[in-house]
Amino acid sequence: MPEPRRATDAEIPGVARLLAGAFATDPVFAHLLPPAMSRRDDRMIRCFLLDTKRSHGLHSTWVHGTAGAAVWFPPGRALESVWEQIRTGPAYARIFGRRLVIASHVVSTMARHHPREPHWYLLYVGAVPAAQGTGVGTALLEAMLAECDERGDAAYLEATTEQSRKLYARHGFVDREPLQLPDGGPLMYPMWRDPE
């Protein structure tokens, strides 16, 4: 199996499709884009494509062959700038449609609770269903966390399931206060990792 590496330009659309499939049953995405929503698969892909393009522009998107991918943001770049929000606003409006207000509340809640200390931010890591539980996620995590350790950088993420929370804990992430998402959303589990 290939080693994790940073994605190429040509791989970014595939990364978005891969992550949309990996997060199809994720509780946060089920809240933002309910399973019965029209054109949900297409909306999911377009949502992941926006985040993946921004991460890739910062040389922070990783792939593990075609089995998995991770979307990271370097210190100081986790949250969109005002200019980025203005530029991507219309695209997000088309993706979320009538649920745009709910999505905005979720993003605002996450931003308010985002750590101010410098860190690498893991927004997504996922694998295609056939590769889940085979070590793909672990390999993707270890690749970037090794760089964090070399640089002396911390890392942060929000786990959305107990299973992912356990995976991150095995890699040195420590729980912070759980975050209740608004508008009837699920709990998220912020986690922090100091460099080793």
Protein backbone atom coordinates (compact mmCIF):
# COMPACT_ATOMS: atom_id res chain seq x y z
CA MET A 1 0.00 0.00 0.00
CA PRO A 2 1.37 3.48 -0.80
CA GLU A 3 2.64 5.80 1.89
CA PRO A 4 0.67 8.93 2.82
CA ARG A 5 1.80 12.04 0.93
CA ARG A 6 0.55 15.48 0.07
CA ALA A 7 -2.10 15.57 -2.64
CA THR A 8 -1.51 16.80 -6.17
CA ASP A 9 -3.76 19.30 -7.95
CA ALA A 10 -5.32 16.53 -10.04
CA GLU A 11 -6.29 14.54 -6.94
CA ILE A 12 -8.34 17.25 -5.21
CA PRO A 13 -11.73 16.45 -6.86
CA GLY A 14 -11.24 12.78 -5.95
CA VAL A 15 -10.38 13.71 -2.37
CA ALA A 16 -13.65 15.63 -2.11
CA ARG A 17 -15.63 12.63 -3.41
CA LEU A 18 -13.77 10.27 -1.08
CA LEU A 19 -14.46 12.42 1.98
CA ALA A 20 -18.11 12.92 1.04
CA GLY A 21 -18.49 9.13 1.04
CA ALA A 22 -16.51 8.70 4.25
CA PHE A 23 -18.67 11.27 6.08
CA ALA A 24 -22.01 10.23 4.59
CA THR A 25 -23.30 8.98 7.98
CA ASP A 26 -21.34 11.39 10.19
CA PRO A 27 -23.64 12.95 12.83
CA VAL A 28 -22.54 16.53 12.13
CA PHE A 29 -23.13 16.20 8.39
CA ALA A 30 -26.44 14.43 9.05
CA HIS A 31 -27.42 17.56 10.99
CA LEU A 32 -26.14 20.03 8.40
CA LEU A 33 -27.29 18.12 5.30
CA PRO A 34 -29.97 15.61 6.38
CA PRO A 35 -30.04 12.31 4.47
CA ALA A 36 -33.42 13.11 2.90
CA MET A 37 -32.20 16.44 1.48
CA SER A 38 -32.39 16.70 -2.31
CA ARG A 39 -29.08 16.19 -4.16
CA ARG A 40 -27.37 15.50 -0.85
CA ASP A 41 -24.44 13.54 -2.36
CA ASP A 42 -23.65 16.38 -4.76
CA ARG A 43 -23.95 18.97 -1.96
CA MET A 44 -21.57 16.94 0.22
CA ILE A 45 -18.98 16.71 -2.56
CA ARG A 46 -19.15 20.44 -3.24
CA CYS A 47 -18.79 21.22 0.48
CA PHE A 48 -15.72 19.02 0.83
CA LEU A 49 -14.28 20.46 -2.38
CA LEU A 50 -14.33 24.00 -0.96
CA ASP A 51 -12.50 22.96 2.22
CA THR A 52 -10.09 20.69 0.36
CA LYS A 53 -9.14 23.36 -2.18
CA ARG A 54 -8.37 25.82 0.63
CA SER A 55 -6.26 23.25 2.48
CA HIS A 56 -4.49 22.19 -0.71
CA GLY A 57 -3.66 25.83 -1.46
CA LEU A 58 -1.71 25.75 1.81
CA HIS A 59 -0.01 22.42 0.89
CA SER A 60 -1.86 20.68 3.72
CA THR A 61 -4.07 18.03 2.08
CA TRP A 62 -2.83 14.45 2.39
CA VAL A 63 -3.77 11.28 0.52
CA HIS A 64 -3.15 7.60 1.14
CA GLY A 65 -3.43 6.26 -2.38
CA THR A 66 -7.13 6.35 -3.23
CA ALA A 67 -8.11 4.83 0.12
CA GLY A 68 -8.08 7.86 2.39
CA ALA A 69 -7.40 11.56 2.78
CA ALA A 70 -6.80 14.19 5.45
CA VAL A 71 -7.49 17.93 5.31
CA TRP A 72 -5.25 20.01 7.58
CA PHE A 73 -4.68 23.74 8.05
CA PRO A 74 -1.40 25.22 9.27
CA PRO A 75 -1.08 27.47 12.33
CA GLY A 76 -2.99 30.71 11.93
CA ARG A 77 -4.96 29.49 8.89
CA ALA A 78 -7.62 27.25 10.43
CA LEU A 79 -10.44 29.76 10.08
CA GLU A 80 -11.39 31.51 6.87
CA SER A 81 -10.42 35.17 6.57
CA VAL A 82 -13.17 37.73 6.01
CA TRP A 83 -12.17 37.88 2.34
CA GLU A 84 -12.39 34.08 2.02
CA GLN A 85 -15.83 34.13 3.66
CA ILE A 86 -17.06 36.75 1.19
CA ARG A 87 -15.62 34.79 -1.75
CA THR A 88 -17.04 31.40 -0.70
CA GLY A 89 -20.33 32.66 0.74
CA PRO A 90 -22.39 32.20 -2.45
CA ALA A 91 -21.07 28.65 -2.92
CA TYR A 92 -21.99 27.72 0.65
CA ALA A 93 -25.44 29.27 0.16
CA ARG A 94 -26.01 26.97 -2.85
CA ILE A 95 -24.74 23.93 -0.93
CA PHE A 96 -26.81 24.40 2.23
CA GLY A 97 -29.88 26.07 0.75
CA ARG A 98 -32.54 26.50 3.42
CA ARG A 99 -30.16 25.08 6.02
CA LEU A 100 -27.63 27.87 5.52
CA VAL A 101 -28.64 29.58 8.78
CA ILE A 102 -28.13 26.34 10.72
CA ALA A 103 -24.77 25.77 9.01
CA SER A 104 -23.75 29.35 9.85
CA HIS A 105 -24.68 28.82 13.51
CA VAL A 106 -22.58 25.64 13.62
CA VAL A 107 -19.56 27.29 11.98
CA SER A 108 -19.84 30.31 14.31
CA THR A 109 -20.05 28.06 17.39
CA MET A 110 -16.99 26.11 16.30
CA ALA A 111 -15.07 29.32 15.56
CA ARG A 112 -15.88 30.79 18.99
CA HIS A 113 -14.49 27.68 20.68
CA HIS A 114 -11.45 27.32 18.42
CA PRO A 115 -8.17 27.52 20.37
CA ARG A 116 -6.14 30.71 20.00
CA GLU A 117 -2.80 28.98 20.65
CA PRO A 118 -0.80 28.18 17.47
CA HIS A 119 -1.61 24.70 16.14
CA TRP A 120 -2.23 22.54 13.09
CA TYR A 121 -5.95 21.97 12.62
CA LEU A 122 -7.27 18.65 11.35
CA LEU A 123 -10.63 19.37 9.78
CA TYR A 124 -11.21 15.95 8.20
CA VAL A 125 -9.59 12.54 7.97
CA GLY A 126 -11.50 9.73 6.31
CA ALA A 127 -11.25 6.52 4.34
CA VAL A 128 -13.43 4.85 1.75
CA PRO A 129 -15.80 2.36 3.42
CA ALA A 130 -13.81 -0.66 2.23
CA ALA A 131 -10.64 0.73 3.85
CA GLN A 132 -12.14 1.82 7.16
CA GLY A 133 -10.57 0.01 10.09
CA THR A 134 -7.51 -1.04 8.04
CA GLY A 135 -5.04 1.55 9.34
CA VAL A 136 -5.48 4.15 6.61
CA GLY A 137 -6.64 6.84 9.05
CA THR A 138 -3.80 5.98 11.43
CA ALA A 139 -1.21 6.27 8.65
CA LEU A 140 -2.59 9.65 7.58
CA LEU A 141 -2.55 10.94 11.16
CA GLU A 142 0.96 9.68 11.85
CA ALA A 143 2.38 11.33 8.72
CA MET A 144 1.32 14.85 9.69
CA LEU A 145 1.79 14.37 13.43
CA ALA A 146 5.41 13.36 12.79
CA GLU A 147 5.89 16.74 11.10
CA CYS A 148 4.17 18.47 14.04
CA ASP A 149 6.56 16.76 16.44
CA GLU A 150 9.61 17.71 14.36
CA ARG A 151 8.52 21.36 14.33
CA GLY A 152 7.32 21.41 17.94
CA ASP A 153 3.77 22.25 16.82
CA ALA A 154 0.54 21.36 18.59
CA ALA A 155 -2.50 19.92 16.80
CA TYR A 156 -6.24 20.31 17.29
CA LEU A 157 -9.41 18.67 15.97
CA GLU A 158 -13.06 18.07 16.77
CA ALA A 159 -14.06 14.40 16.92
CA THR A 160 -17.64 13.69 15.89
CA THR A 161 -18.00 10.06 17.01
CA GLU A 162 -16.81 7.91 19.90
CA GLN A 163 -14.92 5.71 17.44
CA SER A 164 -12.93 8.62 16.00
CA ARG A 165 -12.38 10.00 19.49
CA LYS A 166 -10.71 6.73 20.51
CA LEU A 167 -8.50 6.79 17.40
CA TYR A 168 -7.32 10.31 18.15
CA ALA A 169 -6.71 9.51 21.83
CA ARG A 170 -4.38 6.68 20.75
CA HIS A 171 -2.32 9.31 18.92
CA GLY A 172 -1.92 11.62 21.89
CA PHE A 173 -4.97 13.85 21.56
CA VAL A 174 -6.56 14.84 24.86
CA ASP A 175 -10.21 15.75 25.38
CA ARG A 176 -11.27 19.31 25.95
CA GLU A 177 -14.76 20.37 27.01
CA PRO A 178 -17.44 18.80 24.73
CA LEU A 179 -19.14 21.23 22.40
CA GLN A 180 -22.92 21.14 21.92
CA LEU A 181 -23.78 22.27 18.41
CA PRO A 182 -26.76 24.62 18.10
CA ASP A 183 -30.16 24.06 16.47
CA GLY A 184 -30.51 20.53 17.81
CA GLY A 185 -27.07 19.46 16.61
CA PRO A 186 -24.94 16.67 18.07
CA LEU A 187 -22.04 16.91 20.48
CA MET A 188 -18.55 17.46 19.12
CA TYR A 189 -15.46 16.51 21.06
CA PRO A 190 -12.62 19.04 20.76
CA MET A 191 -9.22 17.41 21.28
CA TRP A 192 -5.73 18.89 21.65
CA ARG A 193 -2.30 17.32 21.16
CA ASP A 194 0.97 18.79 22.38
CA PRO A 195 4.05 17.86 20.32
CA GLU A 196 6.08 14.90 21.50
